[in-house]
Amino acid sequence: MSGLTHVELLWIEGKIERWIRFGRIAHEQILDRRRRVVAFAPGSVFAFARWASNDYGTLVSRVDILRACGPGEPCSTVPGVTPGGEVLLRISGWPKVQSVLAAVDAVDALGLPPEDACPDHWRHVHNRISAGQEPRPYARDRHRAWLLRREMTA
């Protein structure tokens, strides 16, 4: 399984939740009923959400949208992601995470898989939400332009 980006997922109801919101999983290994490891092929885009709480409330709410890097490519380290990935979006704090999830749902509502959306859109969403502004919605014409641009550079 070398060359793949591995993500450790964990689900302890009401305490720790790490899940994949979207992405094409290339491989999955179930470790036990609460833990599993999923892997993504180089170039794949995926969203990794993390949430944890204790007796006093939420400790962390975070969502990262990453592009899985290939062997030898530079990548950023992200907890739970081996070896890491190219960060397209990194947001923390529940209200901002909810805004990201709403942006993902909006792409889904167009009938497009979020992992196929232009990576620049996720960078845009990151920048706008970080600045406290509403991101512009993704549109079919922008998606069509992205597909044509990708085809020309491939």
C-alpha atoms as a PDB file:
ATOM      1  CA  MET A   1       0.000   0.000   0.000  1.00  0.00           C
ATOM      2  CA  SER A   2       2.980   2.312  -0.427  1.00  0.00           C
ATOM      3  CA  GLY A   3       2.315   5.527  -2.270  1.00  0.00           C
ATOM      4  CA  LEU A   4      -1.134   5.888  -0.705  1.00  0.00           C
ATOM      5  CA  THR A   5      -2.147   8.474   1.880  1.00  0.00           C
ATOM      6  CA  HIS A   6      -3.516   6.780   5.002  1.00  0.00           C
ATOM      7  CA  VAL A   7      -6.056   8.360   7.352  1.00  0.00           C
ATOM      8  CA  GLU A   8      -6.799   6.972  10.817  1.00  0.00           C
ATOM      9  CA  LEU A   9     -10.496   7.163  11.687  1.00  0.00           C
ATOM     10  CA  LEU A  10     -11.965   6.777  15.151  1.00  0.00           C
ATOM     11  CA  TRP A  11     -15.516   6.919  16.491  1.00  0.00           C
ATOM     12  CA  ILE A  12     -16.164   6.991  20.237  1.00  0.00           C
ATOM     13  CA  GLU A  13     -19.722   8.328  20.436  1.00  0.00           C
ATOM     14  CA  GLY A  14     -19.844  11.726  22.095  1.00  0.00           C
ATOM     15  CA  LYS A  15     -16.100  11.817  22.848  1.00  0.00           C
ATOM     16  CA  ILE A  16     -13.922  11.541  19.733  1.00  0.00           C
ATOM     17  CA  GLU A  17     -15.143  11.471  16.161  1.00  0.00           C
ATOM     18  CA  ARG A  18     -12.823  11.410  13.135  1.00  0.00           C
ATOM     19  CA  TRP A  19     -14.503  10.782   9.808  1.00  0.00           C
ATOM     20  CA  ILE A  20     -14.214  11.299   6.061  1.00  0.00           C
ATOM     21  CA  ARG A  21     -16.850  13.680   4.675  1.00  0.00           C
ATOM     22  CA  PHE A  22     -15.987  12.982   1.027  1.00  0.00           C
ATOM     23  CA  GLY A  23     -13.318  11.348  -1.102  1.00  0.00           C
ATOM     24  CA  ARG A  24     -12.710   8.197  -3.129  1.00  0.00           C
ATOM     25  CA  ILE A  25     -11.308   5.591  -0.766  1.00  0.00           C
ATOM     26  CA  ALA A  26      -8.768   3.338  -2.485  1.00  0.00           C
ATOM     27  CA  HIS A  27      -8.348   0.944   0.431  1.00  0.00           C
ATOM     28  CA  GLU A  28      -9.928   0.361   3.835  1.00  0.00           C
ATOM     29  CA  GLN A  29      -8.717  -1.632   6.813  1.00  0.00           C
ATOM     30  CA  ILE A  30     -11.046  -2.191   9.758  1.00  0.00           C
ATOM     31  CA  LEU A  31      -9.022  -2.464  12.965  1.00  0.00           C
ATOM     32  CA  ASP A  32     -11.926  -2.915  15.388  1.00  0.00           C
ATOM     33  CA  ARG A  33     -15.498  -1.649  15.778  1.00  0.00           C
ATOM     34  CA  ARG A  34     -14.301   1.894  16.551  1.00  0.00           C
ATOM     35  CA  ARG A  35     -11.159   2.239  14.456  1.00  0.00           C
ATOM     36  CA  ARG A  36     -10.316   1.903  10.812  1.00  0.00           C
ATOM     37  CA  VAL A  37      -7.706   3.167   8.378  1.00  0.00           C
ATOM     38  CA  VAL A  38      -8.647   4.386   4.914  1.00  0.00           C
ATOM     39  CA  ALA A  39      -6.245   5.178   2.095  1.00  0.00           C
ATOM     40  CA  PHE A  40      -6.388   7.545  -0.871  1.00  0.00           C
ATOM     41  CA  ALA A  41      -4.516   7.396  -4.170  1.00  0.00           C
ATOM     42  CA  PRO A  42      -2.110  10.220  -5.066  1.00  0.00           C
ATOM     43  CA  GLY A  43      -3.980  13.231  -6.422  1.00  0.00           C
ATOM     44  CA  SER A  44      -7.239  12.318  -4.657  1.00  0.00           C
ATOM     45  CA  VAL A  45      -9.056  15.090  -2.811  1.00  0.00           C
ATOM     46  CA  PHE A  46     -10.805  14.266   0.463  1.00  0.00           C
ATOM     47  CA  ALA A  47     -12.278  15.964   3.528  1.00  0.00           C
ATOM     48  CA  PHE A  48     -11.179  14.792   6.979  1.00  0.00           C
ATOM     49  CA  ALA A  49     -13.268  16.023   9.913  1.00  0.00           C
ATOM     50  CA  ARG A  50     -12.223  15.807  13.563  1.00  0.00           C
ATOM     51  CA  TRP A  51     -14.239  16.536  16.675  1.00  0.00           C
ATOM     52  CA  ALA A  52     -13.512  15.842  20.343  1.00  0.00           C
ATOM     53  CA  SER A  53     -15.107  16.771  23.650  1.00  0.00           C
ATOM     54  CA  ASN A  54     -14.779  16.210  27.370  1.00  0.00           C
ATOM     55  CA  ASP A  55     -17.084  16.739  30.371  1.00  0.00           C
ATOM     56  CA  TYR A  56     -16.853  20.511  29.923  1.00  0.00           C
ATOM     57  CA  GLY A  57     -17.665  20.754  26.217  1.00  0.00           C
ATOM     58  CA  THR A  58     -16.031  20.673  22.814  1.00  0.00           C
ATOM     59  CA  LEU A  59     -12.241  20.541  22.724  1.00  0.00           C
ATOM     60  CA  VAL A  60     -11.704  20.608  18.973  1.00  0.00           C
ATOM     61  CA  SER A  61     -13.787  20.936  15.823  1.00  0.00           C
ATOM     62  CA  ARG A  62     -11.757  20.872  12.636  1.00  0.00           C
ATOM     63  CA  VAL A  63     -12.118  20.019   8.982  1.00  0.00           C
ATOM     64  CA  ASP A  64      -9.273  19.652   6.508  1.00  0.00           C
ATOM     65  CA  ILE A  65      -9.694  19.273   2.768  1.00  0.00           C
ATOM     66  CA  LEU A  66      -6.531  17.686   1.446  1.00  0.00           C
ATOM     67  CA  ARG A  67      -5.055  16.441  -1.799  1.00  0.00           C
ATOM     68  CA  ALA A  68      -3.197  13.157  -1.345  1.00  0.00           C
ATOM     69  CA  CYS A  69       0.406  13.647  -2.420  1.00  0.00           C
ATOM     70  CA  GLY A  70       2.413  11.195  -4.460  1.00  0.00           C
ATOM     71  CA  PRO A  71       5.810   9.790  -3.477  1.00  0.00           C
ATOM     72  CA  GLY A  72       8.442  12.518  -3.325  1.00  0.00           C
ATOM     73  CA  GLU A  73       5.941  15.391  -3.432  1.00  0.00           C
ATOM     74  CA  PRO A  74       6.092  17.926  -0.621  1.00  0.00           C
ATOM     75  CA  CYS A  75       3.203  17.694   1.822  1.00  0.00           C
ATOM     76  CA  SER A  76       1.992  19.243   5.057  1.00  0.00           C
ATOM     77  CA  THR A  77       1.657  17.154   8.180  1.00  0.00           C
ATOM     78  CA  VAL A  78      -1.852  16.670   9.511  1.00  0.00           C
ATOM     79  CA  PRO A  79      -2.616  14.652  12.657  1.00  0.00           C
ATOM     80  CA  GLY A  80      -3.978  11.235  11.694  1.00  0.00           C
ATOM     81  CA  VAL A  81      -2.846  11.523   8.057  1.00  0.00           C
ATOM     82  CA  THR A  82       0.262   9.631   6.906  1.00  0.00           C
ATOM     83  CA  PRO A  83       2.407  10.951   5.313  1.00  0.00           C
ATOM     84  CA  GLY A  84       0.310  14.145   5.066  1.00  0.00           C
ATOM     85  CA  GLY A  85      -1.211  16.025   2.170  1.00  0.00           C
ATOM     86  CA  GLU A  86      -1.497  19.266   0.266  1.00  0.00           C
ATOM     87  CA  VAL A  87      -3.779  21.447   2.374  1.00  0.00           C
ATOM     88  CA  LEU A  88      -6.558  23.016   0.306  1.00  0.00           C
ATOM     89  CA  LEU A  89      -8.632  24.038   3.328  1.00  0.00           C
ATOM     90  CA  ARG A  90      -8.019  23.940   7.077  1.00  0.00           C
ATOM     91  CA  ILE A  91     -10.699  25.361   9.349  1.00  0.00           C
ATOM     92  CA  SER A  92     -11.295  24.992  13.072  1.00  0.00           C
ATOM     93  CA  GLY A  93     -14.125  26.100  15.354  1.00  0.00           C
ATOM     94  CA  TRP A  94     -17.608  24.637  15.072  1.00  0.00           C
ATOM     95  CA  PRO A  95     -19.379  27.624  13.426  1.00  0.00           C
ATOM     96  CA  LYS A  96     -16.711  27.774  10.702  1.00  0.00           C
ATOM     97  CA  VAL A  97     -16.703  23.982  10.298  1.00  0.00           C
ATOM     98  CA  GLN A  98     -20.478  24.141   9.786  1.00  0.00           C
ATOM     99  CA  SER A  99     -19.924  26.730   7.033  1.00  0.00           C
ATOM    100  CA  VAL A 100     -17.450  24.411   5.305  1.00  0.00           C
ATOM    101  CA  LEU A 101     -19.857  21.477   5.560  1.00  0.00           C
ATOM    102  CA  ALA A 102     -22.586  23.698   4.059  1.00  0.00           C
ATOM    103  CA  ALA A 103     -20.237  24.539   1.145  1.00  0.00           C
ATOM    104  CA  VAL A 104     -19.615  20.808   0.633  1.00  0.00           C
ATOM    105  CA  ASP A 105     -23.379  20.161   0.705  1.00  0.00           C
ATOM    106  CA  ALA A 106     -23.866  22.914  -1.904  1.00  0.00           C
ATOM    107  CA  VAL A 107     -21.459  21.162  -4.302  1.00  0.00           C
ATOM    108  CA  ASP A 108     -23.278  17.877  -3.604  1.00  0.00           C
ATOM    109  CA  ALA A 109     -26.604  19.607  -4.399  1.00  0.00           C
ATOM    110  CA  LEU A 110     -25.293  20.410  -7.897  1.00  0.00           C
ATOM    111  CA  GLY A 111     -24.988  16.677  -8.479  1.00  0.00           C
ATOM    112  CA  LEU A 112     -21.182  16.900  -8.492  1.00  0.00           C
ATOM    113  CA  PRO A 113     -18.965  14.836  -6.212  1.00  0.00           C
ATOM    114  CA  PRO A 114     -17.109  17.324  -3.959  1.00  0.00           C
ATOM    115  CA  GLU A 115     -13.837  15.460  -4.564  1.00  0.00           C
ATOM    116  CA  ASP A 116     -14.117  16.394  -8.255  1.00  0.00           C
ATOM    117  CA  ALA A 117     -14.581  20.126  -7.599  1.00  0.00           C
ATOM    118  CA  CYS A 118     -11.780  22.476  -8.600  1.00  0.00           C
ATOM    119  CA  PRO A 119      -9.157  22.521  -5.819  1.00  0.00           C
ATOM    120  CA  ASP A 120      -9.092  26.325  -6.118  1.00  0.00           C
ATOM    121  CA  HIS A 121     -12.708  26.357  -4.936  1.00  0.00           C
ATOM    122  CA  TRP A 122     -11.702  24.767  -1.617  1.00  0.00           C
ATOM    123  CA  ARG A 123      -8.867  27.309  -1.255  1.00  0.00           C
ATOM    124  CA  HIS A 124     -11.427  30.065  -1.921  1.00  0.00           C
ATOM    125  CA  VAL A 125     -13.798  28.618   0.704  1.00  0.00           C
ATOM    126  CA  HIS A 126     -10.920  28.491   3.201  1.00  0.00           C
ATOM    127  CA  ASN A 127      -9.923  32.112   2.585  1.00  0.00           C
ATOM    128  CA  ARG A 128     -13.444  33.521   2.694  1.00  0.00           C
ATOM    129  CA  ILE A 129     -14.498  31.653   5.851  1.00  0.00           C
ATOM    130  CA  SER A 130     -11.200  32.526   7.548  1.00  0.00           C
ATOM    131  CA  ALA A 131     -11.929  36.187   6.794  1.00  0.00           C
ATOM    132  CA  GLY A 132     -15.466  35.883   8.189  1.00  0.00           C
ATOM    133  CA  GLN A 133     -17.098  36.192   4.768  1.00  0.00           C
ATOM    134  CA  GLU A 134     -19.510  34.007   2.842  1.00  0.00           C
ATOM    135  CA  PRO A 135     -17.811  31.947   0.095  1.00  0.00           C
ATOM    136  CA  ARG A 136     -19.086  32.264  -3.448  1.00  0.00           C
ATOM    137  CA  PRO A 137     -21.035  29.172  -4.490  1.00  0.00           C
ATOM    138  CA  TYR A 138     -19.501  26.634  -6.838  1.00  0.00           C
ATOM    139  CA  ALA A 139     -21.208  26.594 -10.241  1.00  0.00           C
ATOM    140  CA  ARG A 140     -21.481  24.155 -13.123  1.00  0.00           C
ATOM    141  CA  ASP A 141     -19.786  26.594 -15.534  1.00  0.00           C
ATOM    142  CA  ARG A 142     -16.825  26.918 -13.158  1.00  0.00           C
ATOM    143  CA  HIS A 143     -16.669  23.144 -12.909  1.00  0.00           C
ATOM    144  CA  ARG A 144     -16.739  22.828 -16.701  1.00  0.00           C
ATOM    145  CA  ALA A 145     -13.879  25.360 -16.954  1.00  0.00           C
ATOM    146  CA  TRP A 146     -11.886  23.377 -14.368  1.00  0.00           C
ATOM    147  CA  LEU A 147     -12.361  20.147 -16.326  1.00  0.00           C
ATOM    148  CA  LEU A 148     -11.212  21.820 -19.559  1.00  0.00           C
ATOM    149  CA  ARG A 149      -8.176  23.360 -17.831  1.00  0.00           C
ATOM    150  CA  ARG A 150      -7.245  20.022 -16.260  1.00  0.00           C
ATOM    151  CA  GLU A 151      -7.591  18.295 -19.620  1.00  0.00           C
ATOM    152  CA  MET A 152      -5.271  20.835 -21.277  1.00  0.00           C
ATOM    153  CA  THR A 153      -2.559  20.513 -18.628  1.00  0.00           C
ATOM    154  CA  ALA A 154      -2.666  16.696 -18.412  1.00  0.00           C
END
